[in-house]
Amino acid sequence: MGAESGTTLPIEAVFYIGDAGKAGAQYDQQDFKNQTGIWIPAIRITLPQTPSADVRFEFIAGDQAISS
């Protein structure tokens, strides 16, 4: 799969868990934009702490490596 695949694959976002994953997601976001010219958001996932809690998906503007 080459760089041109990014324009045909249904990639809508990059996801990360916690602060440890943020840098990798930012890198992937920037790299995808460089390779395809398409901006995708970085979305933070917060896993539930209990079985009855829900997972959270958040778009945090300050966590984006680049703007749309």
PDB file of N, CA and C in Angstrom:
ATOM      1  N   MET A   1       0.831  -1.166   0.000  1.00  0.00           N
ATOM      2  CA  MET A   1       0.000   0.000   0.000  1.00  0.00           C
ATOM      3  C   MET A   1       0.884   1.241   0.000  1.00  0.00           C
ATOM      4  N   GLY A   2       0.709   2.102  -0.953  1.00  0.00           N
ATOM      5  CA  GLY A   2       1.500   3.310  -1.043  1.00  0.00           C
ATOM      6  C   GLY A   2       0.794   4.504  -0.446  1.00  0.00           C
ATOM      7  N   ALA A   3       1.437   5.656  -0.534  1.00  0.00           N
ATOM      8  CA  ALA A   3       0.875   6.888   0.011  1.00  0.00           C
ATOM      9  C   ALA A   3      -0.444   7.236  -0.647  1.00  0.00           C
ATOM     10  N   GLU A   4      -0.628   6.870  -1.916  1.00  0.00           N
ATOM     11  CA  GLU A   4      -1.873   7.195  -2.613  1.00  0.00           C
ATOM     12  C   GLU A   4      -3.070   6.465  -2.026  1.00  0.00           C
ATOM     13  N   SER A   5      -2.858   5.422  -1.260  1.00  0.00           N
ATOM     14  CA  SER A   5      -3.953   4.672  -0.652  1.00  0.00           C
ATOM     15  C   SER A   5      -4.742   5.528   0.330  1.00  0.00           C
ATOM     16  N   GLY A   6      -4.115   6.505   0.929  1.00  0.00           N
ATOM     17  CA  GLY A   6      -4.787   7.347   1.911  1.00  0.00           C
ATOM     18  C   GLY A   6      -5.961   8.110   1.353  1.00  0.00           C
ATOM     19  N   THR A   7      -5.956   8.379   0.068  1.00  0.00           N
ATOM     20  CA  THR A   7      -7.073   9.115  -0.526  1.00  0.00           C
ATOM     21  C   THR A   7      -8.237   8.204  -0.862  1.00  0.00           C
ATOM     22  N   THR A   8      -8.038   6.883  -0.837  1.00  0.00           N
ATOM     23  CA  THR A   8      -9.127   5.968  -1.163  1.00  0.00           C
ATOM     24  C   THR A   8      -9.593   5.152   0.032  1.00  0.00           C
ATOM     25  N   LEU A   9      -8.777   5.009   1.064  1.00  0.00           N
ATOM     26  CA  LEU A   9      -9.191   4.280   2.260  1.00  0.00           C
ATOM     27  C   LEU A   9     -10.151   5.134   3.077  1.00  0.00           C
ATOM     28  N   PRO A  10     -11.109   4.527   3.750  1.00  0.00           N
ATOM     29  CA  PRO A  10     -12.084   5.297   4.534  1.00  0.00           C
ATOM     30  C   PRO A  10     -11.558   5.699   5.913  1.00  0.00           C
ATOM     31  N   ILE A  11     -10.410   6.357   5.943  1.00  0.00           N
ATOM     32  CA  ILE A  11      -9.825   6.807   7.211  1.00  0.00           C
ATOM     33  C   ILE A  11     -10.445   8.149   7.564  1.00  0.00           C
ATOM     34  N   GLU A  12     -11.081   8.199   8.735  1.00  0.00           N
ATOM     35  CA  GLU A  12     -11.791   9.405   9.152  1.00  0.00           C
ATOM     36  C   GLU A  12     -11.134  10.118  10.333  1.00  0.00           C
ATOM     37  N   ALA A  13     -10.279   9.416  11.087  1.00  0.00           N
ATOM     38  CA  ALA A  13      -9.658  10.000  12.278  1.00  0.00           C
ATOM     39  C   ALA A  13      -8.527   9.107  12.746  1.00  0.00           C
ATOM     40  N   VAL A  14      -7.686   9.666  13.617  1.00  0.00           N
ATOM     41  CA  VAL A  14      -6.726   8.862  14.373  1.00  0.00           C
ATOM     42  C   VAL A  14      -7.179   8.928  15.832  1.00  0.00           C
ATOM     43  N   PHE A  15      -6.941   7.862  16.556  1.00  0.00           N
ATOM     44  CA  PHE A  15      -7.412   7.758  17.930  1.00  0.00           C
ATOM     45  C   PHE A  15      -6.235   7.512  18.858  1.00  0.00           C
ATOM     46  N   TYR A  16      -6.354   7.999  20.095  1.00  0.00           N
ATOM     47  CA  TYR A  16      -5.310   7.772  21.087  1.00  0.00           C
ATOM     48  C   TYR A  16      -5.933   7.628  22.465  1.00  0.00           C
ATOM     49  N   ILE A  17      -5.218   6.930  23.331  1.00  0.00           N
ATOM     50  CA  ILE A  17      -5.659   6.740  24.708  1.00  0.00           C
ATOM     51  C   ILE A  17      -4.651   7.430  25.614  1.00  0.00           C
ATOM     52  N   GLY A  18      -5.126   8.384  26.372  1.00  0.00           N
ATOM     53  CA  GLY A  18      -4.289   9.061  27.354  1.00  0.00           C
ATOM     54  C   GLY A  18      -3.195   9.918  26.746  1.00  0.00           C
ATOM     55  N   ASP A  19      -2.493  10.600  27.625  1.00  0.00           N
ATOM     56  CA  ASP A  19      -1.426  11.493  27.180  1.00  0.00           C
ATOM     57  C   ASP A  19      -0.289  10.744  26.505  1.00  0.00           C
ATOM     58  N   ALA A  20      -0.065   9.495  26.903  1.00  0.00           N
ATOM     59  CA  ALA A  20       1.025   8.716  26.324  1.00  0.00           C
ATOM     60  C   ALA A  20       0.823   8.474  24.832  1.00  0.00           C
ATOM     61  N   GLY A  21      -0.414   8.382  24.390  1.00  0.00           N
ATOM     62  CA  GLY A  21      -0.691   8.121  22.981  1.00  0.00           C
ATOM     63  C   GLY A  21      -0.858   9.369  22.129  1.00  0.00           C
ATOM     64  N   LYS A  22      -0.931  10.524  22.764  1.00  0.00           N
ATOM     65  CA  LYS A  22      -1.210  11.763  22.035  1.00  0.00           C
ATOM     66  C   LYS A  22      -0.134  12.107  21.011  1.00  0.00           C
ATOM     67  N   ALA A  23       1.131  11.981  21.370  1.00  0.00           N
ATOM     68  CA  ALA A  23       2.217  12.332  20.445  1.00  0.00           C
ATOM     69  C   ALA A  23       2.181  11.458  19.190  1.00  0.00           C
ATOM     70  N   GLY A  24       1.901  10.178  19.353  1.00  0.00           N
ATOM     71  CA  GLY A  24       1.811   9.289  18.198  1.00  0.00           C
ATOM     72  C   GLY A  24       0.642   9.649  17.292  1.00  0.00           C
ATOM     73  N   ALA A  25      -0.479   9.998  17.895  1.00  0.00           N
ATOM     74  CA  ALA A  25      -1.645  10.399  17.113  1.00  0.00           C
ATOM     75  C   ALA A  25      -1.371  11.704  16.364  1.00  0.00           C
ATOM     76  N   GLN A  26      -0.693  12.636  17.025  1.00  0.00           N
ATOM     77  CA  GLN A  26      -0.354  13.897  16.369  1.00  0.00           C
ATOM     78  C   GLN A  26       0.586  13.657  15.190  1.00  0.00           C
ATOM     79  N   TYR A  27       1.549  12.766  15.378  1.00  0.00           N
ATOM     80  CA  TYR A  27       2.452  12.422  14.285  1.00  0.00           C
ATOM     81  C   TYR A  27       1.675  11.816  13.120  1.00  0.00           C
ATOM     82  N   ASP A  28       0.802  10.861  13.425  1.00  0.00           N
ATOM     83  CA  ASP A  28       0.012  10.214  12.373  1.00  0.00           C
ATOM     84  C   ASP A  28      -0.897  11.216  11.668  1.00  0.00           C
ATOM     85  N   GLN A  29      -1.469  12.139  12.417  1.00  0.00           N
ATOM     86  CA  GLN A  29      -2.332  13.169  11.837  1.00  0.00           C
ATOM     87  C   GLN A  29      -1.539  14.027  10.841  1.00  0.00           C
ATOM     88  N   GLN A  30      -0.373  14.477  11.258  1.00  0.00           N
ATOM     89  CA  GLN A  30       0.469  15.309  10.398  1.00  0.00           C
ATOM     90  C   GLN A  30       0.952  14.528   9.184  1.00  0.00           C
ATOM     91  N   ASP A  31       1.383  13.297   9.384  1.00  0.00           N
ATOM     92  CA  ASP A  31       1.875  12.464   8.292  1.00  0.00           C
ATOM     93  C   ASP A  31       0.774  12.187   7.269  1.00  0.00           C
ATOM     94  N   PHE A  32      -0.423  11.903   7.735  1.00  0.00           N
ATOM     95  CA  PHE A  32      -1.543  11.647   6.823  1.00  0.00           C
ATOM     96  C   PHE A  32      -1.831  12.886   5.977  1.00  0.00           C
ATOM     97  N   LYS A  33      -1.809  14.055   6.619  1.00  0.00           N
ATOM     98  CA  LYS A  33      -2.030  15.311   5.888  1.00  0.00           C
ATOM     99  C   LYS A  33      -0.920  15.535   4.863  1.00  0.00           C
ATOM    100  N   ASN A  34       0.327  15.274   5.252  1.00  0.00           N
ATOM    101  CA  ASN A  34       1.448  15.457   4.325  1.00  0.00           C
ATOM    102  C   ASN A  34       1.353  14.515   3.131  1.00  0.00           C
ATOM    103  N   GLN A  35       0.930  13.285   3.376  1.00  0.00           N
ATOM    104  CA  GLN A  35       0.880  12.277   2.316  1.00  0.00           C
ATOM    105  C   GLN A  35      -0.337  12.420   1.401  1.00  0.00           C
ATOM    106  N   THR A  36      -1.465  12.880   1.961  1.00  0.00           N
ATOM    107  CA  THR A  36      -2.718  12.876   1.190  1.00  0.00           C
ATOM    108  C   THR A  36      -3.309  14.253   0.940  1.00  0.00           C
ATOM    109  N   GLY A  37      -2.917  15.233   1.754  1.00  0.00           N
ATOM    110  CA  GLY A  37      -3.534  16.550   1.679  1.00  0.00           C
ATOM    111  C   GLY A  37      -4.872  16.606   2.403  1.00  0.00           C
ATOM    112  N   ILE A  38      -5.223  15.531   3.106  1.00  0.00           N
ATOM    113  CA  ILE A  38      -6.506  15.437   3.805  1.00  0.00           C
ATOM    114  C   ILE A  38      -6.271  15.580   5.302  1.00  0.00           C
ATOM    115  N   TRP A  39      -7.034  16.483   5.944  1.00  0.00           N
ATOM    116  CA  TRP A  39      -6.959  16.650   7.385  1.00  0.00           C
ATOM    117  C   TRP A  39      -7.932  15.674   8.035  1.00  0.00           C
ATOM    118  N   ILE A  40      -7.463  14.975   9.066  1.00  0.00           N
ATOM    119  CA  ILE A  40      -8.322  14.122   9.884  1.00  0.00           C
ATOM    120  C   ILE A  40      -8.083  14.496  11.341  1.00  0.00           C
ATOM    121  N   PRO A  41      -9.117  14.402  12.177  1.00  0.00           N
ATOM    122  CA  PRO A  41      -8.940  14.775  13.582  1.00  0.00           C
ATOM    123  C   PRO A  41      -8.258  13.686  14.395  1.00  0.00           C
ATOM    124  N   ALA A  42      -7.628  14.108  15.477  1.00  0.00           N
ATOM    125  CA  ALA A  42      -7.112  13.196  16.492  1.00  0.00           C
ATOM    126  C   ALA A  42      -8.164  13.157  17.601  1.00  0.00           C
ATOM    127  N   ILE A  43      -8.645  11.969  17.933  1.00  0.00           N
ATOM    128  CA  ILE A  43      -9.725  11.792  18.896  1.00  0.00           C
ATOM    129  C   ILE A  43      -9.191  11.053  20.121  1.00  0.00           C
ATOM    130  N   ARG A  44      -9.430  11.627  21.292  1.00  0.00           N
ATOM    131  CA  ARG A  44      -9.001  11.005  22.549  1.00  0.00           C
ATOM    132  C   ARG A  44     -10.055  10.008  23.009  1.00  0.00           C
ATOM    133  N   ILE A  45      -9.610   8.820  23.379  1.00  0.00           N
ATOM    134  CA  ILE A  45     -10.481   7.787  23.935  1.00  0.00           C
ATOM    135  C   ILE A  45     -10.180   7.680  25.423  1.00  0.00           C
ATOM    136  N   THR A  46     -11.224   7.743  26.234  1.00  0.00           N
ATOM    137  CA  THR A  46     -11.090   7.512  27.667  1.00  0.00           C
ATOM    138  C   THR A  46     -11.881   6.254  27.987  1.00  0.00           C
ATOM    139  N   LEU A  47     -11.172   5.229  28.410  1.00  0.00           N
ATOM    140  CA  LEU A  47     -11.819   3.955  28.712  1.00  0.00           C
ATOM    141  C   LEU A  47     -12.558   4.032  30.035  1.00  0.00           C
ATOM    142  N   PRO A  48     -13.649   3.285  30.165  1.00  0.00           N
ATOM    143  CA  PRO A  48     -14.428   3.322  31.414  1.00  0.00           C
ATOM    144  C   PRO A  48     -13.643   2.720  32.578  1.00  0.00           C
ATOM    145  N   GLN A  49     -13.879   3.254  33.747  1.00  0.00           N
ATOM    146  CA  GLN A  49     -13.212   2.771  34.954  1.00  0.00           C
ATOM    147  C   GLN A  49     -14.006   1.656  35.637  1.00  0.00           C
ATOM    148  N   THR A  50     -15.278   1.528  35.267  1.00  0.00           N
ATOM    149  CA  THR A  50     -16.140   0.484  35.827  1.00  0.00           C
ATOM    150  C   THR A  50     -16.939  -0.140  34.688  1.00  0.00           C
ATOM    151  N   PRO A  51     -17.436  -1.356  34.878  1.00  0.00           N
ATOM    152  CA  PRO A  51     -18.223  -2.001  33.826  1.00  0.00           C
ATOM    153  C   PRO A  51     -19.504  -1.239  33.455  1.00  0.00           C
ATOM    154  N   SER A  52     -20.034  -0.463  34.361  1.00  0.00           N
ATOM    155  CA  SER A  52     -21.275   0.253  34.074  1.00  0.00           C
ATOM    156  C   SER A  52     -21.039   1.623  33.426  1.00  0.00           C
ATOM    157  N   ALA A  53     -19.803   2.065  33.390  1.00  0.00           N
ATOM    158  CA  ALA A  53     -19.484   3.374  32.791  1.00  0.00           C
ATOM    159  C   ALA A  53     -19.327   3.229  31.279  1.00  0.00           C
ATOM    160  N   ASP A  54     -19.402   4.344  30.587  1.00  0.00           N
ATOM    161  CA  ASP A  54     -19.274   4.375  29.129  1.00  0.00           C
ATOM    162  C   ASP A  54     -17.878   4.846  28.720  1.00  0.00           C
ATOM    163  N   VAL A  55     -17.454   4.389  27.552  1.00  0.00           N
ATOM    164  CA  VAL A  55     -16.234   4.906  26.956  1.00  0.00           C
ATOM    165  C   VAL A  55     -16.528   6.330  26.465  1.00  0.00           C
ATOM    166  N   ARG A  56     -15.508   7.193  26.468  1.00  0.00           N
ATOM    167  CA  ARG A  56     -15.687   8.568  25.970  1.00  0.00           C
ATOM    168  C   ARG A  56     -14.767   8.790  24.787  1.00  0.00           C
ATOM    169  N   PHE A  57     -15.301   9.438  23.754  1.00  0.00           N
ATOM    170  CA  PHE A  57     -14.542   9.857  22.581  1.00  0.00           C
ATOM    171  C   PHE A  57     -14.616  11.371  22.546  1.00  0.00           C
ATOM    172  N   GLU A  58     -13.442  12.037  22.541  1.00  0.00           N
ATOM    173  CA  GLU A  58     -13.421  13.499  22.604  1.00  0.00           C
ATOM    174  C   GLU A  58     -12.524  14.111  21.538  1.00  0.00           C
ATOM    175  N   PHE A  59     -13.049  15.126  20.882  1.00  0.00           N
ATOM    176  CA  PHE A  59     -12.226  15.981  20.031  1.00  0.00           C
ATOM    177  C   PHE A  59     -11.794  17.137  20.909  1.00  0.00           C
ATOM    178  N   ILE A  60     -10.486  17.280  21.096  1.00  0.00           N
ATOM    179  CA  ILE A  60      -9.942  18.357  21.924  1.00  0.00           C
ATOM    180  C   ILE A  60      -9.084  19.235  21.007  1.00  0.00           C
ATOM    181  N   ALA A  61      -9.530  20.453  20.788  1.00  0.00           N
ATOM    182  CA  ALA A  61      -8.860  21.344  19.834  1.00  0.00           C
ATOM    183  C   ALA A  61      -7.378  21.514  20.155  1.00  0.00           C
ATOM    184  N   GLY A  62      -7.028  21.634  21.427  1.00  0.00           N
ATOM    185  CA  GLY A  62      -5.647  21.832  21.815  1.00  0.00           C
ATOM    186  C   GLY A  62      -4.748  20.623  21.591  1.00  0.00           C
ATOM    187  N   ASP A  63      -5.329  19.471  21.369  1.00  0.00           N
ATOM    188  CA  ASP A  63      -4.554  18.257  21.144  1.00  0.00           C
ATOM    189  C   ASP A  63      -4.245  18.007  19.670  1.00  0.00           C
ATOM    190  N   GLN A  64      -4.767  18.841  18.783  1.00  0.00           N
ATOM    191  CA  GLN A  64      -4.542  18.647  17.360  1.00  0.00           C
ATOM    192  C   GLN A  64      -3.146  19.153  16.983  1.00  0.00           C
ATOM    193  N   ALA A  65      -2.435  18.374  16.188  1.00  0.00           N
ATOM    194  CA  ALA A  65      -1.099  18.793  15.730  1.00  0.00           C
ATOM    195  C   ALA A  65      -1.212  19.898  14.690  1.00  0.00           C
ATOM    196  N   ILE A  66      -2.282  19.851  13.910  1.00  0.00           N
ATOM    197  CA  ILE A  66      -2.512  20.841  12.858  1.00  0.00           C
ATOM    198  C   ILE A  66      -3.981  21.205  12.852  1.00  0.00           C
ATOM    199  N   SER A  67      -4.299  22.348  12.304  1.00  0.00           N
ATOM    200  CA  SER A  67      -5.707  22.741  12.196  1.00  0.00           C
ATOM    201  C   SER A  67      -6.255  22.292  10.851  1.00  0.00           C
ATOM    202  N   SER A  68      -7.551  22.237  10.788  1.00  0.00           N
ATOM    203  CA  SER A  68      -8.191  21.800   9.549  1.00  0.00           C
ATOM    204  C   SER A  68      -7.996  22.844   8.486  1.00  0.00           C
TER     205      SER A  68
END
